[in-house]
PDB file of N, CA and C in Angstrom:
ATOM      1  N   VAL A   1       0.943  -1.336   0.030  1.00  0.00           N
ATOM      2  CA  VAL A   1      -0.430   0.086   0.460  1.00  0.00           C
ATOM      3  C   VAL A   1       0.805   0.993   0.329  1.00  0.00           C
ATOM      4  N   ARG A   2       2.178   1.077   0.783  1.00  0.00           N
ATOM      5  CA  ARG A   2       2.488   2.180   0.759  1.00  0.00           C
ATOM      6  C   ARG A   2       3.482   2.940  -0.281  1.00  0.00           C
ATOM      7  N   HIS A   3       4.250   1.752  -1.324  1.00  0.00           N
ATOM      8  CA  HIS A   3       4.691   1.834  -2.754  1.00  0.00           C
ATOM      9  C   HIS A   3       3.175   2.752  -3.419  1.00  0.00           C
ATOM     10  N   ARG A   4       2.088   2.771  -3.738  1.00  0.00           N
ATOM     11  CA  ARG A   4       0.615   3.393  -4.084  1.00  0.00           C
ATOM     12  C   ARG A   4       0.656   4.127  -3.353  1.00  0.00           C
ATOM     13  N   GLU A   5       0.960   4.971  -2.261  1.00  0.00           N
ATOM     14  CA  GLU A   5       1.258   6.226  -2.074  1.00  0.00           C
ATOM     15  C   GLU A   5       2.263   6.757  -2.520  1.00  0.00           C
ATOM     16  N   MET A   6       3.125   6.060  -2.630  1.00  0.00           N
ATOM     17  CA  MET A   6       4.485   6.826  -3.406  1.00  0.00           C
ATOM     18  C   MET A   6       4.287   7.973  -4.168  1.00  0.00           C
ATOM     19  N   LEU A   7       4.021   6.232  -5.480  1.00  0.00           N
ATOM     20  CA  LEU A   7       3.796   6.293  -7.021  1.00  0.00           C
ATOM     21  C   LEU A   7       2.812   8.157  -6.717  1.00  0.00           C
ATOM     22  N   ALA A   8       1.666   8.007  -6.342  1.00  0.00           N
ATOM     23  CA  ALA A   8       0.575   8.472  -5.870  1.00  0.00           C
ATOM     24  C   ALA A   8       1.356  10.122  -6.120  1.00  0.00           C
ATOM     25  N   PHE A   9       2.357   9.693  -5.145  1.00  0.00           N
ATOM     26  CA  PHE A   9       3.219  11.146  -4.675  1.00  0.00           C
ATOM     27  C   PHE A   9       3.245  12.054  -5.642  1.00  0.00           C
ATOM     28  N   GLU A  10       4.730  11.149  -6.231  1.00  0.00           N
ATOM     29  CA  GLU A  10       4.986  11.593  -7.271  1.00  0.00           C
ATOM     30  C   GLU A  10       5.209  11.965  -8.207  1.00  0.00           C
ATOM     31  N   ALA A  11       3.679  11.853  -8.605  1.00  0.00           N
ATOM     32  CA  ALA A  11       2.218  12.343  -9.494  1.00  0.00           C
ATOM     33  C   ALA A  11       2.195  13.077  -9.459  1.00  0.00           C
ATOM     34  N   GLN A  12       2.406  13.670  -8.386  1.00  0.00           N
ATOM     35  CA  GLN A  12       1.872  14.975  -8.060  1.00  0.00           C
ATOM     36  C   GLN A  12       2.888  15.749  -6.804  1.00  0.00           C
ATOM     37  N   TRP A  13       4.088  15.343  -6.819  1.00  0.00           N
ATOM     38  CA  TRP A  13       4.455  15.792  -5.179  1.00  0.00           C
ATOM     39  C   TRP A  13       4.310  17.944  -5.380  1.00  0.00           C
ATOM     40  N   TRP A  14       4.242  18.560  -6.640  1.00  0.00           N
ATOM     41  CA  TRP A  14       4.432  19.889  -6.410  1.00  0.00           C
ATOM     42  C   TRP A  14       2.856  20.568  -6.214  1.00  0.00           C
ATOM     43  N   ARG A  15       2.393  19.881  -6.155  1.00  0.00           N
ATOM     44  CA  ARG A  15       0.812  20.091  -5.370  1.00  0.00           C
ATOM     45  C   ARG A  15       0.873  20.680  -4.302  1.00  0.00           C
ATOM     46  N   HIS A  16       1.890  19.980  -3.545  1.00  0.00           N
ATOM     47  CA  HIS A  16       1.999  19.980  -1.933  1.00  0.00           C
ATOM     48  C   HIS A  16       1.630  21.783  -1.355  1.00  0.00           C
ATOM     49  N   ALA A  17       1.611  22.304  -0.631  1.00  0.00           N
ATOM     50  CA  ALA A  17       2.668  23.309  -0.053  1.00  0.00           C
ATOM     51  C   ALA A  17       3.678  23.836   0.302  1.00  0.00           C
ATOM     52  N   THR A  18       4.851  22.870   0.996  1.00  0.00           N
ATOM     53  CA  THR A  18       6.196  22.342   1.462  1.00  0.00           C
ATOM     54  C   THR A  18       6.400  22.196   0.480  1.00  0.00           C
ATOM     55  N   ASP A  19       7.975  21.825  -0.117  1.00  0.00           N
ATOM     56  CA  ASP A  19       8.912  21.412  -0.523  1.00  0.00           C
ATOM     57  C   ASP A  19       8.674  20.246  -0.895  1.00  0.00           C
ATOM     58  N   ARG A  20       9.221  19.448  -1.527  1.00  0.00           N
ATOM     59  CA  ARG A  20       9.505  18.451  -1.792  1.00  0.00           C
ATOM     60  C   ARG A  20       9.806  17.673  -0.494  1.00  0.00           C
ATOM     61  N   GLU A  21      11.158  17.202  -0.455  1.00  0.00           N
ATOM     62  CA  GLU A  21      11.622  17.180   1.292  1.00  0.00           C
ATOM     63  C   GLU A  21      11.222  17.516   2.270  1.00  0.00           C
ATOM     64  N   THR A  22       9.846  18.252   2.664  1.00  0.00           N
ATOM     65  CA  THR A  22       9.594  18.177   3.573  1.00  0.00           C
ATOM     66  C   THR A  22       8.358  16.910   3.519  1.00  0.00           C
ATOM     67  N   ALA A  23       7.157  17.645   2.685  1.00  0.00           N
ATOM     68  CA  ALA A  23       6.537  16.512   2.631  1.00  0.00           C
ATOM     69  C   ALA A  23       6.943  15.230   2.534  1.00  0.00           C
ATOM     70  N   ILE A  24       8.213  14.734   2.226  1.00  0.00           N
ATOM     71  CA  ILE A  24       8.341  13.294   1.987  1.00  0.00           C
ATOM     72  C   ILE A  24       8.706  13.240   3.209  1.00  0.00           C
ATOM     73  N   ARG A  25       8.910  14.322   4.179  1.00  0.00           N
ATOM     74  CA  ARG A  25       9.639  13.726   5.965  1.00  0.00           C
ATOM     75  C   ARG A  25       7.943  14.438   6.016  1.00  0.00           C
ATOM     76  N   GLN A  26       7.847  15.013   6.455  1.00  0.00           N
ATOM     77  CA  GLN A  26       5.920  14.941   6.451  1.00  0.00           C
ATOM     78  C   GLN A  26       5.105  13.437   6.839  1.00  0.00           C
ATOM     79  N   LEU A  27       4.701  13.331   5.341  1.00  0.00           N
ATOM     80  CA  LEU A  27       4.167  12.486   4.672  1.00  0.00           C
ATOM     81  C   LEU A  27       4.808  10.859   4.838  1.00  0.00           C
ATOM     82  N   PHE A  28       5.700  10.720   5.046  1.00  0.00           N
ATOM     83  CA  PHE A  28       6.882   8.872   4.673  1.00  0.00           C
ATOM     84  C   PHE A  28       7.030   8.994   6.173  1.00  0.00           C
ATOM     85  N   GLY A  29       7.402   9.430   6.355  1.00  0.00           N
ATOM     86  CA  GLY A  29       8.399   9.638   8.423  1.00  0.00           C
ATOM     87  C   GLY A  29       9.358   9.178   7.327  1.00  0.00           C
ATOM     88  N   LEU A  30       9.910   9.878   6.623  1.00  0.00           N
ATOM     89  CA  LEU A  30      11.680   8.870   5.976  1.00  0.00           C
ATOM     90  C   LEU A  30      13.093  10.575   5.466  1.00  0.00           C
ATOM     91  N   THR A  31      13.506  10.406   5.293  1.00  0.00           N
ATOM     92  CA  THR A  31      14.676  10.931   5.024  1.00  0.00           C
ATOM     93  C   THR A  31      14.537  10.768   3.769  1.00  0.00           C
ATOM     94  N   PRO A  32      14.342  11.948   2.577  1.00  0.00           N
ATOM     95  CA  PRO A  32      14.470  12.383   1.623  1.00  0.00           C
ATOM     96  C   PRO A  32      15.541  10.804   1.027  1.00  0.00           C
ATOM     97  N   GLN A  33      16.583  10.779   1.329  1.00  0.00           N
ATOM     98  CA  GLN A  33      17.677   9.964   0.625  1.00  0.00           C
ATOM     99  C   GLN A  33      17.124   8.478   0.763  1.00  0.00           C
ATOM    100  N   ARG A  34      16.015   7.859   1.725  1.00  0.00           N
ATOM    101  CA  ARG A  34      15.563   6.444   1.184  1.00  0.00           C
ATOM    102  C   ARG A  34      13.702   6.301   1.153  1.00  0.00           C
ATOM    103  N   TYR A  35      13.837   7.789   1.304  1.00  0.00           N
ATOM    104  CA  TYR A  35      12.579   7.260   0.084  1.00  0.00           C
ATOM    105  C   TYR A  35      12.899   7.265  -1.050  1.00  0.00           C
ATOM    106  N   GLN A  36      13.620   8.096  -1.939  1.00  0.00           N
ATOM    107  CA  GLN A  36      14.583   7.606  -2.899  1.00  0.00           C
ATOM    108  C   GLN A  36      14.934   6.255  -2.840  1.00  0.00           C
ATOM    109  N   GLN A  37      15.300   6.071  -2.155  1.00  0.00           N
ATOM    110  CA  GLN A  37      16.127   4.549  -2.201  1.00  0.00           C
ATOM    111  C   GLN A  37      14.675   3.411  -2.327  1.00  0.00           C
ATOM    112  N   ILE A  38      14.423   3.400  -2.162  1.00  0.00           N
ATOM    113  CA  ILE A  38      12.674   2.546  -1.455  1.00  0.00           C
ATOM    114  C   ILE A  38      12.594   3.007  -3.208  1.00  0.00           C
ATOM    115  N   LEU A  39      11.814   4.544  -3.244  1.00  0.00           N
ATOM    116  CA  LEU A  39      11.831   4.347  -4.651  1.00  0.00           C
ATOM    117  C   LEU A  39      11.822   3.684  -5.775  1.00  0.00           C
ATOM    118  N   ASN A  40      13.431   4.019  -5.757  1.00  0.00           N
ATOM    119  CA  ASN A  40      14.133   2.652  -6.885  1.00  0.00           C
ATOM    120  C   ASN A  40      13.604   1.873  -7.058  1.00  0.00           C
ATOM    121  N   VAL A  41      13.673   0.659  -5.582  1.00  0.00           N
ATOM    122  CA  VAL A  41      12.945   0.114  -5.789  1.00  0.00           C
ATOM    123  C   VAL A  41      12.187  -1.007  -6.423  1.00  0.00           C
ATOM    124  N   ILE A  42      11.002   0.394  -6.278  1.00  0.00           N
ATOM    125  CA  ILE A  42       9.626   0.183  -6.671  1.00  0.00           C
ATOM    126  C   ILE A  42       9.447   0.726  -8.046  1.00  0.00           C
ATOM    127  N   ILE A  43       9.830   1.535  -8.504  1.00  0.00           N
ATOM    128  CA  ILE A  43       9.692   1.731 -10.010  1.00  0.00           C
ATOM    129  C   ILE A  43      10.488   0.359 -10.396  1.00  0.00           C
ATOM    130  N   GLU A  44      11.004  -0.318 -10.239  1.00  0.00           N
ATOM    131  CA  GLU A  44      11.479  -1.047 -10.943  1.00  0.00           C
ATOM    132  C   GLU A  44      10.698  -2.571 -11.317  1.00  0.00           C
ATOM    133  N   TRP A  45       9.713  -2.600 -10.218  1.00  0.00           N
ATOM    134  CA  TRP A  45       8.360  -3.546 -10.324  1.00  0.00           C
ATOM    135  C   TRP A  45       7.205  -3.584 -11.238  1.00  0.00           C
ATOM    136  N   PRO A  46       7.161  -4.569 -11.931  1.00  0.00           N
ATOM    137  CA  PRO A  46       6.939  -4.674 -12.644  1.00  0.00           C
ATOM    138  C   PRO A  46       5.544  -4.804 -12.542  1.00  0.00           C
ATOM    139  N   SER A  47       4.700  -4.531 -11.387  1.00  0.00           N
ATOM    140  CA  SER A  47       3.740  -3.918 -10.803  1.00  0.00           C
ATOM    141  C   SER A  47       3.199  -2.855 -10.913  1.00  0.00           C
ATOM    142  N   ALA A  48       4.206  -1.551 -10.257  1.00  0.00           N
ATOM    143  CA  ALA A  48       4.716  -0.290 -10.587  1.00  0.00           C
ATOM    144  C   ALA A  48       4.857  -0.305 -12.417  1.00  0.00           C
ATOM    145  N   LEU A  49       5.558  -0.339 -12.702  1.00  0.00           N
ATOM    146  CA  LEU A  49       5.140  -0.463 -14.388  1.00  0.00           C
ATOM    147  C   LEU A  49       3.589  -0.296 -15.413  1.00  0.00           C
ATOM    148  N   ARG A  50       2.969  -1.332 -14.731  1.00  0.00           N
ATOM    149  CA  ARG A  50       1.254  -1.931 -14.587  1.00  0.00           C
ATOM    150  C   ARG A  50       0.770  -0.730 -14.051  1.00  0.00           C
ATOM    151  N   ALA A  51       0.626  -0.637 -12.891  1.00  0.00           N
ATOM    152  CA  ALA A  51       0.127   0.504 -12.594  1.00  0.00           C
ATOM    153  C   ALA A  51      -0.265   2.066 -13.559  1.00  0.00           C
ATOM    154  N   ASP A  52       1.139   2.232 -12.988  1.00  0.00           N
ATOM    155  CA  ASP A  52       1.362   3.824 -13.470  1.00  0.00           C
ATOM    156  C   ASP A  52       2.487   4.053 -14.880  1.00  0.00           C
ATOM    157  N   PRO A  53       2.137   3.304 -16.096  1.00  0.00           N
ATOM    158  CA  PRO A  53       3.597   3.253 -17.330  1.00  0.00           C
ATOM    159  C   PRO A  53       4.095   4.077 -17.387  1.00  0.00           C
ATOM    160  N   MET A  54       3.022   5.696 -17.270  1.00  0.00           N
ATOM    161  CA  MET A  54       3.834   6.499 -17.686  1.00  0.00           C
ATOM    162  C   MET A  54       4.887   7.466 -16.972  1.00  0.00           C
ATOM    163  N   LEU A  55       3.755   6.983 -15.895  1.00  0.00           N
ATOM    164  CA  LEU A  55       4.704   7.155 -14.289  1.00  0.00           C
ATOM    165  C   LEU A  55       6.712   7.428 -14.071  1.00  0.00           C
ATOM    166  N   VAL A  56       5.937   5.751 -13.649  1.00  0.00           N
ATOM    167  CA  VAL A  56       7.351   4.689 -13.779  1.00  0.00           C
ATOM    168  C   VAL A  56       8.409   4.635 -14.830  1.00  0.00           C
ATOM    169  N   ARG A  57       8.626   5.004 -16.174  1.00  0.00           N
ATOM    170  CA  ARG A  57       8.718   5.673 -17.497  1.00  0.00           C
ATOM    171  C   ARG A  57       9.773   6.821 -16.776  1.00  0.00           C
ATOM    172  N   ARG A  58       8.635   7.609 -17.252  1.00  0.00           N
ATOM    173  CA  ARG A  58       9.194   9.129 -16.230  1.00  0.00           C
ATOM    174  C   ARG A  58      10.911   9.078 -15.364  1.00  0.00           C
ATOM    175  N   LEU A  59      10.489   8.243 -13.578  1.00  0.00           N
ATOM    176  CA  LEU A  59      10.909   8.001 -13.060  1.00  0.00           C
ATOM    177  C   LEU A  59      12.188   6.965 -12.808  1.00  0.00           C
ATOM    178  N   ARG A  60      12.231   6.334 -13.874  1.00  0.00           N
ATOM    179  CA  ARG A  60      13.509   5.428 -14.523  1.00  0.00           C
ATOM    180  C   ARG A  60      14.401   6.991 -15.347  1.00  0.00           C
ATOM    181  N   ARG A  61      13.975   6.859 -16.776  1.00  0.00           N
ATOM    182  CA  ARG A  61      14.037   8.334 -17.446  1.00  0.00           C
ATOM    183  C   ARG A  61      14.997   9.282 -15.825  1.00  0.00           C
ATOM    184  N   GLN A  62      14.469   9.942 -15.560  1.00  0.00           N
ATOM    185  CA  GLN A  62      15.133  10.331 -14.299  1.00  0.00           C
ATOM    186  C   GLN A  62      15.808  10.363 -13.421  1.00  0.00           C
ATOM    187  N   ARG A  63      16.133   8.372 -13.044  1.00  0.00           N
ATOM    188  CA  ARG A  63      17.388   7.840 -12.655  1.00  0.00           C
ATOM    189  C   ARG A  63      18.433   7.717 -13.353  1.00  0.00           C
ATOM    190  N   ARG A  64      18.010   7.659 -14.255  1.00  0.00           N
ATOM    191  CA  ARG A  64      18.983   7.799 -15.638  1.00  0.00           C
ATOM    192  C   ARG A  64      20.441   8.039 -15.292  1.00  0.00           C
ATOM    193  N   ALA A  65      19.960   9.837 -15.909  1.00  0.00           N
ATOM    194  CA  ALA A  65      19.973  10.852 -16.329  1.00  0.00           C
ATOM    195  C   ALA A  65      20.395  11.241 -14.922  1.00  0.00           C
ATOM    196  N   ASP A  66      20.344  11.553 -13.955  1.00  0.00           N
ATOM    197  CA  ASP A  66      20.697  11.895 -12.492  1.00  0.00           C
ATOM    198  C   ASP A  66      21.980  10.310 -12.210  1.00  0.00           C
ATOM    199  N   ARG A  67      22.218   9.579 -12.219  1.00  0.00           N
ATOM    200  CA  ARG A  67      23.486   8.998 -12.480  1.00  0.00           C
ATOM    201  C   ARG A  67      23.976   9.416 -13.874  1.00  0.00           C
ATOM    202  N   ALA A  68      24.285   9.396 -14.556  1.00  0.00           N
ATOM    203  CA  ALA A  68      24.672   9.784 -15.566  1.00  0.00           C
ATOM    204  C   ALA A  68      25.743  11.452 -15.586  1.00  0.00           C
ATOM    205  N   GLY A  69      24.719  11.984 -14.675  1.00  0.00           N
ATOM    206  CA  GLY A  69      25.435  13.360 -14.702  1.00  0.00           C
ATOM    207  C   GLY A  69      25.822  13.169 -13.142  1.00  0.00           C
ATOM    208  N   ALA A  70      25.934  12.244 -12.177  1.00  0.00           N
ATOM    209  CA  ALA A  70      26.865  12.230 -11.272  1.00  0.00           C
ATOM    210  C   ALA A  70      28.072  11.554 -12.015  1.00  0.00           C
ATOM    211  N   ASP A  71      27.882  10.747 -12.623  1.00  0.00           N
ATOM    212  CA  ASP A  71      28.928  10.074 -13.283  1.00  0.00           C
ATOM    213  C   ASP A  71      30.090  10.557 -13.876  1.00  0.00           C
ATOM    214  N   GLU A  72      29.402  12.126 -14.779  1.00  0.00           N
ATOM    215  CA  GLU A  72      30.046  12.954 -15.743  1.00  0.00           C
ATOM    216  C   GLU A  72      31.234  12.980 -14.811  1.00  0.00           C
ATOM    217  N   ARG A  73      30.012  14.282 -13.408  1.00  0.00           N
ATOM    218  CA  ARG A  73      31.412  15.232 -12.192  1.00  0.00           C
ATOM    219  C   ARG A  73      32.570  14.208 -12.134  1.00  0.00           C
ATOM    220  N   ILE A  74      32.324  13.041 -11.076  1.00  0.00           N
ATOM    221  CA  ILE A  74      33.662  12.468 -10.834  1.00  0.00           C
ATOM    222  C   ILE A  74      34.741  11.557 -12.120  1.00  0.00           C
ATOM    223  N   LEU A  75      34.164  11.436 -13.098  1.00  0.00           N
ATOM    224  CA  LEU A  75      34.878  11.500 -14.334  1.00  0.00           C
ATOM    225  C   LEU A  75      35.238  12.350 -15.238  1.00  0.00           C
ATOM    226  N   ARG A  76      35.294  13.562 -14.740  1.00  0.00           N
ATOM    227  CA  ARG A  76      35.844  14.785 -15.002  1.00  0.00           C
ATOM    228  C   ARG A  76      36.686  15.557 -14.769  1.00  0.00           C
ATOM    229  N   PRO A  77      38.194  15.793 -15.496  1.00  0.00           N
ATOM    230  CA  PRO A  77      39.288  16.322 -14.847  1.00  0.00           C
ATOM    231  C   PRO A  77      38.734  17.286 -14.077  1.00  0.00           C
ATOM    232  N   GLN A  78      39.953  16.808 -12.834  1.00  0.00           N
ATOM    233  CA  GLN A  78      39.134  18.581 -11.736  1.00  0.00           C
ATOM    234  C   GLN A  78      40.609  19.209 -12.377  1.00  0.00           C
ATOM    235  N   SER A  79      40.101  20.492 -12.327  1.00  0.00           N
ATOM    236  CA  SER A  79      41.410  22.134 -13.655  1.00  0.00           C
ATOM    237  C   SER A  79      42.204  22.487 -12.059  1.00  0.00           C
ATOM    238  N   SER A  80      43.258  22.580 -12.357  1.00  0.00           N
ATOM    239  CA  SER A  80      44.395  23.023 -11.371  1.00  0.00           C
ATOM    240  C   SER A  80      44.854  24.855 -11.245  1.00  0.00           C
TER     241      SER A  80
END
């Protein structure tokens, strides 16, 4: 059930009066980092993809882009 609430939150988090991190803490009692870890597992579930394919695909694309950006920052040579 919680996974459905998390997916519903992702679909409309901008509607909350508070910022995303505060809303995550208030609604789920989780740190934003832990919430993201759980969400990353949920979006791999076939049932999540069946429940909301557009949202899950968007979240997967966003995760790939975030990881690619992190990889780029790690591999970028430091300027002297």
